[in-house]
Amino acid sequence: MRGIQVSEYVKGPKDLKITELPDPEPKPNQYLIEVHAAAANFFDILQIQGKYQNQPPFPWVSGAEFSGVVVATPTDSKSKPRFPVGSRVFGASQGAYATRVCAAEHELLAVPAGWSFTDAAGLFVTAPTSYGALVQRAGVRAGDWVLVHAAAGGVGLAAVQVAKAFGATVVATAGSARKLEVARRFGADHVVDYRDAAWPDRVRALTPGGRGVDVVYDPVGLVDKSTKCVAWNGRVLVVGFAAGAIEKVAMNKVLLKNISLVGIHWGAYAKFEPQTIPVVWNGIARLIEQGKFRGTVFSDREFVGLESIPDALLALGGRETWGKVVVKIPQPGETKL
């Protein structure tokens, strides 16, 4: 197979090289997948630099999120495998930046009917994070006003769609006219540029009677400023810190407005609350079937082939993109067109 193998940490994506490698050998509990698309994530950049919390022993193939076709099923299965050979699947497992990858059954799901490999490759991380946060943790409901920060990002566009599907009014923030336009296209009712220092006042002014929003979805690190535009009994979801710093919050405002600060660590559900995982995915599947949730693949520029992965990661890291950045991976003999 061909893949991007890391034998030593690099300064950045431009240092990544595509090489010919032996096909990966699945463990007895793993499937072998022919990769048709792979998604770019910020943690992929951190990992190749040696800065991520999960660093495999050298050498390892980079990338984690993918979609493709099952070419071999687990050998230790005593029953019929959930995904027979030929099944279209998506998932997450180390080694996605290659033409083949191994993954265990719990790391895979079936590609939704009517979805392309490209759309499905960007679903495994963002959709459950946003659905789990808004539905399981914040209890979003019809009539809520929901503020989604970085609304044109991967988790942001997923959050916009989930909140709208549950009957909420969505206020989206982003840092460019193009990203605000994208947020509107995916369902946001109102958009606010958070480069404007007065954005909390603008958000609050949009709400009925200036009461503030009921839910804040924050993958950036804007909790403290968001408390200025949160309603009484508001729920603030701490999703991440894309701004780069772990912020400090003035807790007196949390007390005075009866605010609930709620964390969401989707990756830890497999360890601490595995019973919730199928509940979340079943909920997402219903939204897809109802036409209320669609793929969020960045389409302003196309990335095709393993050779384009460095450029995809650079574009992602440079905040030049929106939604999910996905690279199409043609198989041997397939055209890149």
C-alpha atoms as a PDB file:
ATOM      1  CA  MET A   1       0.000   0.000   0.000  1.00  0.00           C
ATOM      2  CA  ARG A   2       0.938   3.688  -0.084  1.00  0.00           C
ATOM      3  CA  GLY A   3       0.864   5.771   3.050  1.00  0.00           C
ATOM      4  CA  ILE A   4       2.348   8.609   5.089  1.00  0.00           C
ATOM      5  CA  GLN A   5       4.621   6.927   7.617  1.00  0.00           C
ATOM      6  CA  VAL A   6       6.203   8.905  10.447  1.00  0.00           C
ATOM      7  CA  SER A   7       9.607   7.634  11.611  1.00  0.00           C
ATOM      8  CA  GLU A   8      10.560  10.830  13.447  1.00  0.00           C
ATOM      9  CA  TYR A   9       8.700  13.943  14.471  1.00  0.00           C
ATOM     10  CA  VAL A  10       8.548  16.718  11.882  1.00  0.00           C
ATOM     11  CA  LYS A  11       8.202  20.496  12.023  1.00  0.00           C
ATOM     12  CA  GLY A  12       5.023  20.538  10.003  1.00  0.00           C
ATOM     13  CA  PRO A  13       2.862  18.948   7.285  1.00  0.00           C
ATOM     14  CA  LYS A  14       5.213  19.936   4.447  1.00  0.00           C
ATOM     15  CA  ASP A  15       7.779  17.470   5.841  1.00  0.00           C
ATOM     16  CA  LEU A  16       5.453  14.485   5.397  1.00  0.00           C
ATOM     17  CA  LYS A  17       6.381  11.948   2.712  1.00  0.00           C
ATOM     18  CA  ILE A  18       4.330   9.307   0.886  1.00  0.00           C
ATOM     19  CA  THR A  19       6.032   5.918   0.683  1.00  0.00           C
ATOM     20  CA  GLU A  20       5.338   2.345  -0.419  1.00  0.00           C
ATOM     21  CA  LEU A  21       4.589   0.230   2.639  1.00  0.00           C
ATOM     22  CA  PRO A  22       3.528  -3.350   3.365  1.00  0.00           C
ATOM     23  CA  ASP A  23      -0.223  -3.760   3.783  1.00  0.00           C
ATOM     24  CA  PRO A  24      -1.154  -3.491   7.469  1.00  0.00           C
ATOM     25  CA  GLU A  25      -1.827  -6.813   9.205  1.00  0.00           C
ATOM     26  CA  PRO A  26      -5.130  -6.692  11.106  1.00  0.00           C
ATOM     27  CA  LYS A  27      -5.264  -8.028  14.643  1.00  0.00           C
ATOM     28  CA  PRO A  28      -7.750 -10.902  15.113  1.00  0.00           C
ATOM     29  CA  ASN A  29     -10.467  -8.425  16.176  1.00  0.00           C
ATOM     30  CA  GLN A  30      -9.862  -5.945  13.351  1.00  0.00           C
ATOM     31  CA  TYR A  31     -11.247  -5.285   9.899  1.00  0.00           C
ATOM     32  CA  LEU A  32      -9.050  -4.315   6.957  1.00  0.00           C
ATOM     33  CA  ILE A  33     -10.433  -1.274   5.142  1.00  0.00           C
ATOM     34  CA  GLU A  34      -9.647   0.046   1.670  1.00  0.00           C
ATOM     35  CA  VAL A  35      -9.528   3.808   2.276  1.00  0.00           C
ATOM     36  CA  HIS A  36     -11.482   6.011  -0.150  1.00  0.00           C
ATOM     37  CA  ALA A  37     -11.400   9.277   1.818  1.00  0.00           C
ATOM     38  CA  ALA A  38      -9.597  10.616   4.892  1.00  0.00           C
ATOM     39  CA  ALA A  39     -10.425  13.663   7.015  1.00  0.00           C
ATOM     40  CA  ALA A  40      -7.925  16.191   8.348  1.00  0.00           C
ATOM     41  CA  ASN A  41      -7.984  17.057  12.042  1.00  0.00           C
ATOM     42  CA  PHE A  42      -6.008  19.518  14.172  1.00  0.00           C
ATOM     43  CA  PHE A  43      -4.744  16.662  16.307  1.00  0.00           C
ATOM     44  CA  ASP A  44      -3.121  15.112  13.218  1.00  0.00           C
ATOM     45  CA  ILE A  45      -0.857  18.171  13.027  1.00  0.00           C
ATOM     46  CA  LEU A  46      -0.021  17.950  16.727  1.00  0.00           C
ATOM     47  CA  GLN A  47       0.684  14.225  16.464  1.00  0.00           C
ATOM     48  CA  ILE A  48       3.250  14.472  13.638  1.00  0.00           C
ATOM     49  CA  GLN A  49       5.038  17.133  15.710  1.00  0.00           C
ATOM     50  CA  GLY A  50       5.071  14.969  18.848  1.00  0.00           C
ATOM     51  CA  LYS A  51       2.721  17.316  20.719  1.00  0.00           C
ATOM     52  CA  TYR A  52      -0.414  15.172  21.016  1.00  0.00           C
ATOM     53  CA  GLN A  53      -1.589  13.175  24.038  1.00  0.00           C
ATOM     54  CA  ASN A  54      -1.585   9.948  22.011  1.00  0.00           C
ATOM     55  CA  GLN A  55       1.816   9.272  20.380  1.00  0.00           C
ATOM     56  CA  PRO A  56       2.259   5.765  18.901  1.00  0.00           C
ATOM     57  CA  PRO A  57       5.727   4.163  18.907  1.00  0.00           C
ATOM     58  CA  PHE A  58       7.752   4.790  15.741  1.00  0.00           C
ATOM     59  CA  PRO A  59       7.185   4.088  12.949  1.00  0.00           C
ATOM     60  CA  TRP A  60       3.487   4.804  12.532  1.00  0.00           C
ATOM     61  CA  VAL A  61       1.124   5.915   9.782  1.00  0.00           C
ATOM     62  CA  SER A  62      -0.541   9.274  10.393  1.00  0.00           C
ATOM     63  CA  GLY A  63      -4.210  10.165  10.080  1.00  0.00           C
ATOM     64  CA  ALA A  64      -7.184   8.880  12.036  1.00  0.00           C
ATOM     65  CA  GLU A  65     -10.553   9.572  10.397  1.00  0.00           C
ATOM     66  CA  PHE A  66     -11.609   7.800   7.197  1.00  0.00           C
ATOM     67  CA  SER A  67     -14.210   6.068   5.064  1.00  0.00           C
ATOM     68  CA  GLY A  68     -13.866   3.122   2.719  1.00  0.00           C
ATOM     69  CA  VAL A  69     -14.727  -0.461   1.881  1.00  0.00           C
ATOM     70  CA  VAL A  70     -14.220  -3.586   4.015  1.00  0.00           C
ATOM     71  CA  VAL A  71     -11.763  -5.995   2.335  1.00  0.00           C
ATOM     72  CA  ALA A  72     -11.280  -8.426   5.256  1.00  0.00           C
ATOM     73  CA  THR A  73     -13.249  -9.190   8.428  1.00  0.00           C
ATOM     74  CA  PRO A  74     -12.015 -10.154  11.928  1.00  0.00           C
ATOM     75  CA  THR A  75     -10.698 -13.695  12.273  1.00  0.00           C
ATOM     76  CA  ASP A  76     -11.680 -14.109  15.938  1.00  0.00           C
ATOM     77  CA  SER A  77     -15.396 -13.474  15.398  1.00  0.00           C
ATOM     78  CA  LYS A  78     -17.586 -16.395  16.505  1.00  0.00           C
ATOM     79  CA  SER A  79     -20.612 -14.855  14.820  1.00  0.00           C
ATOM     80  CA  LYS A  80     -21.309 -13.184  11.501  1.00  0.00           C
ATOM     81  CA  PRO A  81     -19.363  -9.901  11.299  1.00  0.00           C
ATOM     82  CA  ARG A  82     -21.427  -6.743  11.475  1.00  0.00           C
ATOM     83  CA  PHE A  83     -19.721  -5.432   8.327  1.00  0.00           C
ATOM     84  CA  PRO A  84     -19.209  -8.112   5.631  1.00  0.00           C
ATOM     85  CA  VAL A  85     -16.598  -7.779   2.914  1.00  0.00           C
ATOM     86  CA  GLY A  86     -17.698  -5.033   0.517  1.00  0.00           C
ATOM     87  CA  SER A  87     -19.461  -2.950   3.190  1.00  0.00           C
ATOM     88  CA  ARG A  88     -19.145   0.823   2.956  1.00  0.00           C
ATOM     89  CA  VAL A  89     -17.959   2.063   6.353  1.00  0.00           C
ATOM     90  CA  PHE A  90     -16.545   5.135   8.076  1.00  0.00           C
ATOM     91  CA  GLY A  91     -14.688   5.441  11.332  1.00  0.00           C
ATOM     92  CA  ALA A  92     -11.552   6.396  13.206  1.00  0.00           C
ATOM     93  CA  SER A  93      -8.346   4.430  13.725  1.00  0.00           C
ATOM     94  CA  GLN A  94      -4.640   5.257  13.625  1.00  0.00           C
ATOM     95  CA  GLY A  95      -3.244   5.076  10.088  1.00  0.00           C
ATOM     96  CA  ALA A  96      -5.946   6.695   7.927  1.00  0.00           C
ATOM     97  CA  TYR A  97      -3.482   8.522   5.664  1.00  0.00           C
ATOM     98  CA  ALA A  98      -2.916   5.432   3.563  1.00  0.00           C
ATOM     99  CA  THR A  99      -4.672   3.309   0.987  1.00  0.00           C
ATOM    100  CA  ARG A 100      -5.498   0.703   3.661  1.00  0.00           C
ATOM    101  CA  VAL A 101      -6.168   0.861   7.391  1.00  0.00           C
ATOM    102  CA  CYS A 102      -7.128  -1.558  10.193  1.00  0.00           C
ATOM    103  CA  ALA A 103      -9.995  -0.862  12.594  1.00  0.00           C
ATOM    104  CA  ALA A 104     -11.950  -2.711  15.277  1.00  0.00           C
ATOM    105  CA  GLU A 105     -15.730  -3.053  15.013  1.00  0.00           C
ATOM    106  CA  HIS A 106     -16.452  -0.375  17.645  1.00  0.00           C
ATOM    107  CA  GLU A 107     -14.411   2.075  15.569  1.00  0.00           C
ATOM    108  CA  LEU A 108     -16.653   1.657  12.504  1.00  0.00           C
ATOM    109  CA  LEU A 109     -20.164   2.529  11.346  1.00  0.00           C
ATOM    110  CA  ALA A 110     -22.034   2.023   8.090  1.00  0.00           C
ATOM    111  CA  VAL A 111     -21.964   4.889   5.603  1.00  0.00           C
ATOM    112  CA  PRO A 112     -25.464   6.456   5.624  1.00  0.00           C
ATOM    113  CA  ALA A 113     -27.607   5.703   2.595  1.00  0.00           C
ATOM    114  CA  GLY A 114     -27.031   8.239  -0.146  1.00  0.00           C
ATOM    115  CA  TRP A 115     -23.838   9.600   1.412  1.00  0.00           C
ATOM    116  CA  SER A 116     -20.542   9.725  -0.475  1.00  0.00           C
ATOM    117  CA  PHE A 117     -17.286   8.454   1.004  1.00  0.00           C
ATOM    118  CA  THR A 118     -16.129  12.078   1.140  1.00  0.00           C
ATOM    119  CA  ASP A 119     -19.075  13.215   3.263  1.00  0.00           C
ATOM    120  CA  ALA A 120     -18.912  10.170   5.538  1.00  0.00           C
ATOM    121  CA  ALA A 121     -15.170  10.525   6.219  1.00  0.00           C
ATOM    122  CA  GLY A 122     -15.831  13.696   8.204  1.00  0.00           C
ATOM    123  CA  LEU A 123     -18.694  12.386  10.329  1.00  0.00           C
ATOM    124  CA  PHE A 124     -17.167  10.191  13.056  1.00  0.00           C
ATOM    125  CA  VAL A 125     -15.694  12.924  15.296  1.00  0.00           C
ATOM    126  CA  THR A 126     -17.808  16.038  14.761  1.00  0.00           C
ATOM    127  CA  ALA A 127     -21.381  14.724  14.676  1.00  0.00           C
ATOM    128  CA  PRO A 128     -21.388  12.822  18.002  1.00  0.00           C
ATOM    129  CA  THR A 129     -19.475  15.593  19.773  1.00  0.00           C
ATOM    130  CA  SER A 130     -22.109  18.150  18.828  1.00  0.00           C
ATOM    131  CA  TYR A 131     -25.136  15.871  19.283  1.00  0.00           C
ATOM    132  CA  GLY A 132     -23.816  14.579  22.609  1.00  0.00           C
ATOM    133  CA  ALA A 133     -23.150  18.101  23.839  1.00  0.00           C
ATOM    134  CA  LEU A 134     -26.430  19.712  22.838  1.00  0.00           C
ATOM    135  CA  VAL A 135     -28.828  16.821  23.356  1.00  0.00           C
ATOM    136  CA  GLN A 136     -27.316  14.665  26.105  1.00  0.00           C
ATOM    137  CA  ARG A 137     -25.547  17.356  28.126  1.00  0.00           C
ATOM    138  CA  ALA A 138     -27.484  20.585  27.548  1.00  0.00           C
ATOM    139  CA  GLY A 139     -30.925  19.108  26.877  1.00  0.00           C
ATOM    140  CA  VAL A 140     -31.616  21.443  23.963  1.00  0.00           C
ATOM    141  CA  ARG A 141     -35.314  21.820  23.205  1.00  0.00           C
ATOM    142  CA  ALA A 142     -37.730  23.712  20.984  1.00  0.00           C
ATOM    143  CA  GLY A 143     -37.808  27.408  21.814  1.00  0.00           C
ATOM    144  CA  ASP A 144     -34.222  27.581  23.071  1.00  0.00           C
ATOM    145  CA  TRP A 145     -31.858  30.227  21.754  1.00  0.00           C
ATOM    146  CA  VAL A 146     -28.489  28.614  21.054  1.00  0.00           C
ATOM    147  CA  LEU A 147     -25.237  30.494  20.495  1.00  0.00           C
ATOM    148  CA  VAL A 148     -22.720  28.451  18.463  1.00  0.00           C
ATOM    149  CA  HIS A 149     -19.152  29.757  18.419  1.00  0.00           C
ATOM    150  CA  ALA A 150     -16.844  28.976  15.483  1.00  0.00           C
ATOM    151  CA  ALA A 151     -20.036  27.948  13.755  1.00  0.00           C
ATOM    152  CA  ALA A 152     -18.382  27.353  10.375  1.00  0.00           C
ATOM    153  CA  GLY A 153     -15.967  24.763  11.762  1.00  0.00           C
ATOM    154  CA  GLY A 154     -16.529  21.005  11.695  1.00  0.00           C
ATOM    155  CA  VAL A 155     -18.164  20.690  15.114  1.00  0.00           C
ATOM    156  CA  GLY A 156     -19.747  24.118  14.695  1.00  0.00           C
ATOM    157  CA  LEU A 157     -21.707  23.260  11.544  1.00  0.00           C
ATOM    158  CA  ALA A 158     -22.759  19.992  13.154  1.00  0.00           C
ATOM    159  CA  ALA A 159     -23.978  21.935  16.203  1.00  0.00           C
ATOM    160  CA  VAL A 160     -25.934  24.399  14.060  1.00  0.00           C
ATOM    161  CA  GLN A 161     -27.770  21.538  12.352  1.00  0.00           C
ATOM    162  CA  VAL A 162     -28.490  19.615  15.565  1.00  0.00           C
ATOM    163  CA  ALA A 163     -29.812  22.701  17.355  1.00  0.00           C
ATOM    164  CA  LYS A 164     -32.068  23.591  14.410  1.00  0.00           C
ATOM    165  CA  ALA A 165     -33.342  20.015  14.197  1.00  0.00           C
ATOM    166  CA  PHE A 166     -34.511  20.249  17.818  1.00  0.00           C
ATOM    167  CA  GLY A 167     -36.386  23.481  17.201  1.00  0.00           C
ATOM    168  CA  ALA A 168     -33.904  26.016  18.545  1.00  0.00           C
ATOM    169  CA  THR A 169     -33.112  29.474  17.168  1.00  0.00           C
ATOM    170  CA  VAL A 170     -29.408  29.589  16.343  1.00  0.00           C
ATOM    171  CA  VAL A 171     -27.041  32.539  16.612  1.00  0.00           C
ATOM    172  CA  ALA A 172     -23.742  31.709  14.913  1.00  0.00           C
ATOM    173  CA  THR A 173     -20.386  33.428  15.373  1.00  0.00           C
ATOM    174  CA  ALA A 174     -17.404  33.264  13.040  1.00  0.00           C
ATOM    175  CA  GLY A 175     -14.445  35.425  12.042  1.00  0.00           C
ATOM    176  CA  SER A 176     -14.983  36.154   8.354  1.00  0.00           C
ATOM    177  CA  ALA A 177     -17.763  37.068   5.957  1.00  0.00           C
ATOM    178  CA  ARG A 178     -17.317  33.776   4.091  1.00  0.00           C
ATOM    179  CA  LYS A 179     -17.625  31.710   7.267  1.00  0.00           C
ATOM    180  CA  LEU A 180     -20.697  33.631   8.390  1.00  0.00           C
ATOM    181  CA  GLU A 181     -22.232  32.937   4.978  1.00  0.00           C
ATOM    182  CA  VAL A 182     -21.504  29.217   5.374  1.00  0.00           C
ATOM    183  CA  ALA A 183     -23.099  29.178   8.835  1.00  0.00           C
ATOM    184  CA  ARG A 184     -26.253  30.714   7.380  1.00  0.00           C
ATOM    185  CA  ARG A 185     -26.259  28.161   4.564  1.00  0.00           C
ATOM    186  CA  PHE A 186     -26.305  25.349   7.127  1.00  0.00           C
ATOM    187  CA  GLY A 187     -29.255  26.839   9.003  1.00  0.00           C
ATOM    188  CA  ALA A 188     -28.121  29.595  11.374  1.00  0.00           C
ATOM    189  CA  ASP A 189     -30.887  32.155  11.941  1.00  0.00           C
ATOM    190  CA  HIS A 190     -28.539  35.008  12.889  1.00  0.00           C
ATOM    191  CA  VAL A 191     -24.800  35.538  12.423  1.00  0.00           C
ATOM    192  CA  VAL A 192     -22.363  37.706  14.387  1.00  0.00           C
ATOM    193  CA  ASP A 193     -18.702  38.433  13.642  1.00  0.00           C
ATOM    194  CA  TYR A 194     -16.733  37.850  16.847  1.00  0.00           C
ATOM    195  CA  ARG A 195     -13.916  40.068  15.639  1.00  0.00           C
ATOM    196  CA  ASP A 196     -16.238  42.861  16.814  1.00  0.00           C
ATOM    197  CA  ALA A 197     -15.441  43.382  20.510  1.00  0.00           C
ATOM    198  CA  ALA A 198     -19.101  44.169  21.175  1.00  0.00           C
ATOM    199  CA  TRP A 199     -20.316  40.757  19.970  1.00  0.00           C
ATOM    200  CA  PRO A 200     -21.812  39.758  23.369  1.00  0.00           C
ATOM    201  CA  ASP A 201     -24.026  42.859  23.289  1.00  0.00           C
ATOM    202  CA  ARG A 202     -25.037  42.162  19.686  1.00  0.00           C
ATOM    203  CA  VAL A 203     -25.940  38.553  20.557  1.00  0.00           C
ATOM    204  CA  ARG A 204     -28.002  39.557  23.586  1.00  0.00           C
ATOM    205  CA  ALA A 205     -29.831  42.219  21.576  1.00  0.00           C
ATOM    206  CA  LEU A 206     -31.043  39.563  19.133  1.00  0.00           C
ATOM    207  CA  THR A 207     -32.840  37.570  21.825  1.00  0.00           C
ATOM    208  CA  PRO A 208     -36.447  38.252  22.972  1.00  0.00           C
ATOM    209  CA  GLY A 209     -36.405  41.204  25.353  1.00  0.00           C
ATOM    210  CA  GLY A 210     -32.616  41.097  25.370  1.00  0.00           C
ATOM    211  CA  ARG A 211     -32.758  38.215  27.850  1.00  0.00           C
ATOM    212  CA  GLY A 212     -29.791  36.337  26.388  1.00  0.00           C
ATOM    213  CA  VAL A 213     -29.275  32.846  24.970  1.00  0.00           C
ATOM    214  CA  ASP A 214     -30.246  29.622  26.697  1.00  0.00           C
ATOM    215  CA  VAL A 215     -27.321  27.524  25.469  1.00  0.00           C
ATOM    216  CA  VAL A 216     -23.762  28.385  24.449  1.00  0.00           C
ATOM    217  CA  TYR A 217     -21.759  25.870  22.397  1.00  0.00           C
ATOM    218  CA  ASP A 218     -18.104  26.836  22.779  1.00  0.00           C
ATOM    219  CA  PRO A 219     -15.255  24.948  21.065  1.00  0.00           C
ATOM    220  CA  VAL A 220     -13.056  28.080  21.132  1.00  0.00           C
ATOM    221  CA  GLY A 221     -12.534  29.297  24.697  1.00  0.00           C
ATOM    222  CA  LEU A 222     -15.064  32.141  24.925  1.00  0.00           C
ATOM    223  CA  VAL A 223     -16.918  31.071  28.056  1.00  0.00           C
ATOM    224  CA  ASP A 224     -16.137  34.164  30.131  1.00  0.00           C
ATOM    225  CA  LYS A 225     -17.260  36.624  27.444  1.00  0.00           C
ATOM    226  CA  SER A 226     -20.276  34.465  26.670  1.00  0.00           C
ATOM    227  CA  THR A 227     -21.572  34.832  30.236  1.00  0.00           C
ATOM    228  CA  LYS A 228     -22.403  38.422  29.271  1.00  0.00           C
ATOM    229  CA  CYS A 229     -25.077  37.234  26.848  1.00  0.00           C
ATOM    230  CA  VAL A 230     -26.409  34.135  28.640  1.00  0.00           C
ATOM    231  CA  ALA A 231     -29.945  34.050  30.016  1.00  0.00           C
ATOM    232  CA  TRP A 232     -30.966  33.100  33.541  1.00  0.00           C
ATOM    233  CA  ASN A 233     -30.534  29.316  33.946  1.00  0.00           C
ATOM    234  CA  GLY A 234     -28.362  29.242  30.816  1.00  0.00           C
ATOM    235  CA  ARG A 235     -26.168  26.263  29.961  1.00  0.00           C
ATOM    236  CA  VAL A 236     -22.635  26.810  28.657  1.00  0.00           C
ATOM    237  CA  LEU A 237     -21.046  23.842  26.882  1.00  0.00           C
ATOM    238  CA  VAL A 238     -17.259  23.640  27.157  1.00  0.00           C
ATOM    239  CA  VAL A 239     -16.316  21.785  23.964  1.00  0.00           C
ATOM    240  CA  GLY A 240     -12.711  22.813  23.364  1.00  0.00           C
ATOM    241  CA  PHE A 241     -10.066  25.516  23.327  1.00  0.00           C
ATOM    242  CA  ALA A 242      -9.324  26.254  19.661  1.00  0.00           C
ATOM    243  CA  ALA A 243      -8.092  29.729  20.630  1.00  0.00           C
ATOM    244  CA  GLY A 244      -5.092  27.975  22.175  1.00  0.00           C
ATOM    245  CA  ALA A 245      -5.417  28.924  25.853  1.00  0.00           C
ATOM    246  CA  ILE A 246      -7.306  27.409  28.771  1.00  0.00           C
ATOM    247  CA  GLU A 247      -9.346  30.406  29.878  1.00  0.00           C
ATOM    248  CA  LYS A 248     -10.213  31.609  33.356  1.00  0.00           C
ATOM    249  CA  VAL A 249     -13.864  32.354  34.095  1.00  0.00           C
ATOM    250  CA  ALA A 250     -15.253  34.950  36.508  1.00  0.00           C
ATOM    251  CA  MET A 251     -17.337  32.605  38.618  1.00  0.00           C
ATOM    252  CA  ASN A 252     -19.419  35.372  40.190  1.00  0.00           C
ATOM    253  CA  LYS A 253     -21.266  35.713  36.856  1.00  0.00           C
ATOM    254  CA  VAL A 254     -21.942  31.982  36.855  1.00  0.00           C
ATOM    255  CA  LEU A 255     -23.514  32.328  40.309  1.00  0.00           C
ATOM    256  CA  LEU A 256     -25.503  35.501  39.620  1.00  0.00           C
ATOM    257  CA  LYS A 257     -27.172  34.130  36.476  1.00  0.00           C
ATOM    258  CA  ASN A 258     -27.663  30.552  37.698  1.00  0.00           C
ATOM    259  CA  ILE A 259     -25.463  29.380  34.804  1.00  0.00           C
ATOM    260  CA  SER A 260     -24.529  25.719  34.363  1.00  0.00           C
ATOM    261  CA  LEU A 261     -21.036  25.083  32.982  1.00  0.00           C
ATOM    262  CA  VAL A 262     -21.128  21.697  31.252  1.00  0.00           C
ATOM    263  CA  GLY A 263     -18.169  19.823  29.785  1.00  0.00           C
ATOM    264  CA  ILE A 264     -18.287  17.373  26.884  1.00  0.00           C
ATOM    265  CA  HIS A 265     -15.481  14.869  26.280  1.00  0.00           C
ATOM    266  CA  TRP A 266     -16.928  12.581  23.628  1.00  0.00           C
ATOM    267  CA  GLY A 267     -13.771  10.505  23.335  1.00  0.00           C
ATOM    268  CA  ALA A 268     -14.101   9.392  26.969  1.00  0.00           C
ATOM    269  CA  TYR A 269     -17.623   7.992  26.591  1.00  0.00           C
ATOM    270  CA  ALA A 270     -16.238   4.636  25.435  1.00  0.00           C
ATOM    271  CA  LYS A 271     -14.582   4.268  28.848  1.00  0.00           C
ATOM    272  CA  PHE A 272     -17.036   5.926  31.218  1.00  0.00           C
ATOM    273  CA  GLU A 273     -20.459   5.792  29.536  1.00  0.00           C
ATOM    274  CA  PRO A 274     -20.441   3.322  26.637  1.00  0.00           C
ATOM    275  CA  GLN A 275     -24.202   2.799  26.828  1.00  0.00           C
ATOM    276  CA  THR A 276     -24.736   6.366  25.583  1.00  0.00           C
ATOM    277  CA  ILE A 277     -22.746   5.908  22.361  1.00  0.00           C
ATOM    278  CA  PRO A 278     -25.466   4.005  20.431  1.00  0.00           C
ATOM    279  CA  VAL A 279     -28.098   6.410  21.769  1.00  0.00           C
ATOM    280  CA  VAL A 280     -26.187   9.328  20.246  1.00  0.00           C
ATOM    281  CA  TRP A 281     -25.521   7.589  16.925  1.00  0.00           C
ATOM    282  CA  ASN A 282     -29.139   6.451  16.641  1.00  0.00           C
ATOM    283  CA  GLY A 283     -30.202  10.052  17.165  1.00  0.00           C
ATOM    284  CA  ILE A 284     -27.829  11.255  14.460  1.00  0.00           C
ATOM    285  CA  ALA A 285     -29.099   8.541  12.103  1.00  0.00           C
ATOM    286  CA  ARG A 286     -32.674   9.750  12.619  1.00  0.00           C
ATOM    287  CA  LEU A 287     -31.689  13.315  11.759  1.00  0.00           C
ATOM    288  CA  ILE A 288     -29.936  12.096   8.601  1.00  0.00           C
ATOM    289  CA  GLU A 289     -32.972  10.042   7.572  1.00  0.00           C
ATOM    290  CA  GLN A 290     -35.204  13.070   8.142  1.00  0.00           C
ATOM    291  CA  GLY A 291     -32.948  15.254   5.991  1.00  0.00           C
ATOM    292  CA  LYS A 292     -32.049  17.448   8.967  1.00  0.00           C
ATOM    293  CA  PHE A 293     -28.330  16.668   9.008  1.00  0.00           C
ATOM    294  CA  ARG A 294     -25.973  16.702   6.018  1.00  0.00           C
ATOM    295  CA  GLY A 295     -22.270  16.465   5.343  1.00  0.00           C
ATOM    296  CA  THR A 296     -20.119  19.498   6.108  1.00  0.00           C
ATOM    297  CA  VAL A 297     -17.176  18.924   3.748  1.00  0.00           C
ATOM    298  CA  PHE A 298     -15.142  22.017   2.809  1.00  0.00           C
ATOM    299  CA  SER A 299     -15.806  22.549  -0.889  1.00  0.00           C
ATOM    300  CA  ASP A 300     -14.017  25.797  -1.777  1.00  0.00           C
ATOM    301  CA  ARG A 301     -10.973  23.723  -2.728  1.00  0.00           C
ATOM    302  CA  GLU A 302     -10.596  20.035  -3.550  1.00  0.00           C
ATOM    303  CA  PHE A 303      -7.910  17.779  -2.100  1.00  0.00           C
ATOM    304  CA  VAL A 304      -7.274  14.552  -4.009  1.00  0.00           C
ATOM    305  CA  GLY A 305      -4.618  11.900  -3.352  1.00  0.00           C
ATOM    306  CA  LEU A 306      -2.226  11.255  -0.481  1.00  0.00           C
ATOM    307  CA  GLU A 307       0.084  13.869  -1.998  1.00  0.00           C
ATOM    308  CA  SER A 308      -2.464  16.573  -1.150  1.00  0.00           C
ATOM    309  CA  ILE A 309      -2.651  15.731   2.571  1.00  0.00           C
ATOM    310  CA  PRO A 310       0.154  18.160   3.566  1.00  0.00           C
ATOM    311  CA  ASP A 311      -1.689  20.990   1.794  1.00  0.00           C
ATOM    312  CA  ALA A 312      -4.977  19.954   3.434  1.00  0.00           C
ATOM    313  CA  LEU A 313      -3.372  20.038   6.888  1.00  0.00           C
ATOM    314  CA  LEU A 314      -1.721  23.396   6.185  1.00  0.00           C
ATOM    315  CA  ALA A 315      -5.036  24.880   5.052  1.00  0.00           C
ATOM    316  CA  LEU A 316      -6.739  23.528   8.169  1.00  0.00           C
ATOM    317  CA  GLY A 317      -3.990  24.759  10.492  1.00  0.00           C
ATOM    318  CA  GLY A 318      -3.999  28.171   8.829  1.00  0.00           C
ATOM    319  CA  ARG A 319      -7.733  28.638   9.493  1.00  0.00           C
ATOM    320  CA  GLU A 320      -8.323  28.926   5.746  1.00  0.00           C
ATOM    321  CA  THR A 321     -11.147  26.377   5.681  1.00  0.00           C
ATOM    322  CA  TRP A 322     -14.639  25.741   6.975  1.00  0.00           C
ATOM    323  CA  GLY A 323     -16.457  22.520   7.876  1.00  0.00           C
ATOM    324  CA  LYS A 324     -14.502  19.303   7.544  1.00  0.00           C
ATOM    325  CA  VAL A 325     -11.438  19.131   5.317  1.00  0.00           C
ATOM    326  CA  VAL A 326     -11.533  15.766   3.544  1.00  0.00           C
ATOM    327  CA  VAL A 327      -9.034  14.241   1.107  1.00  0.00           C
ATOM    328  CA  LYS A 328     -10.222  11.822  -1.555  1.00  0.00           C
ATOM    329  CA  ILE A 329      -7.944   8.754  -1.758  1.00  0.00           C
ATOM    330  CA  PRO A 330      -8.098   7.109  -5.201  1.00  0.00           C
ATOM    331  CA  GLN A 331      -7.241   3.422  -5.111  1.00  0.00           C
ATOM    332  CA  PRO A 332      -4.593   1.947  -7.454  1.00  0.00           C
ATOM    333  CA  GLY A 333      -5.854   2.163 -11.016  1.00  0.00           C
ATOM    334  CA  GLU A 334      -8.428   4.847 -10.213  1.00  0.00           C
ATOM    335  CA  THR A 335      -8.164   8.311 -11.744  1.00  0.00           C
ATOM    336  CA  LYS A 336      -7.803  11.390  -9.549  1.00  0.00           C
ATOM    337  CA  LEU A 337     -10.453  13.152 -11.619  1.00  0.00           C
END
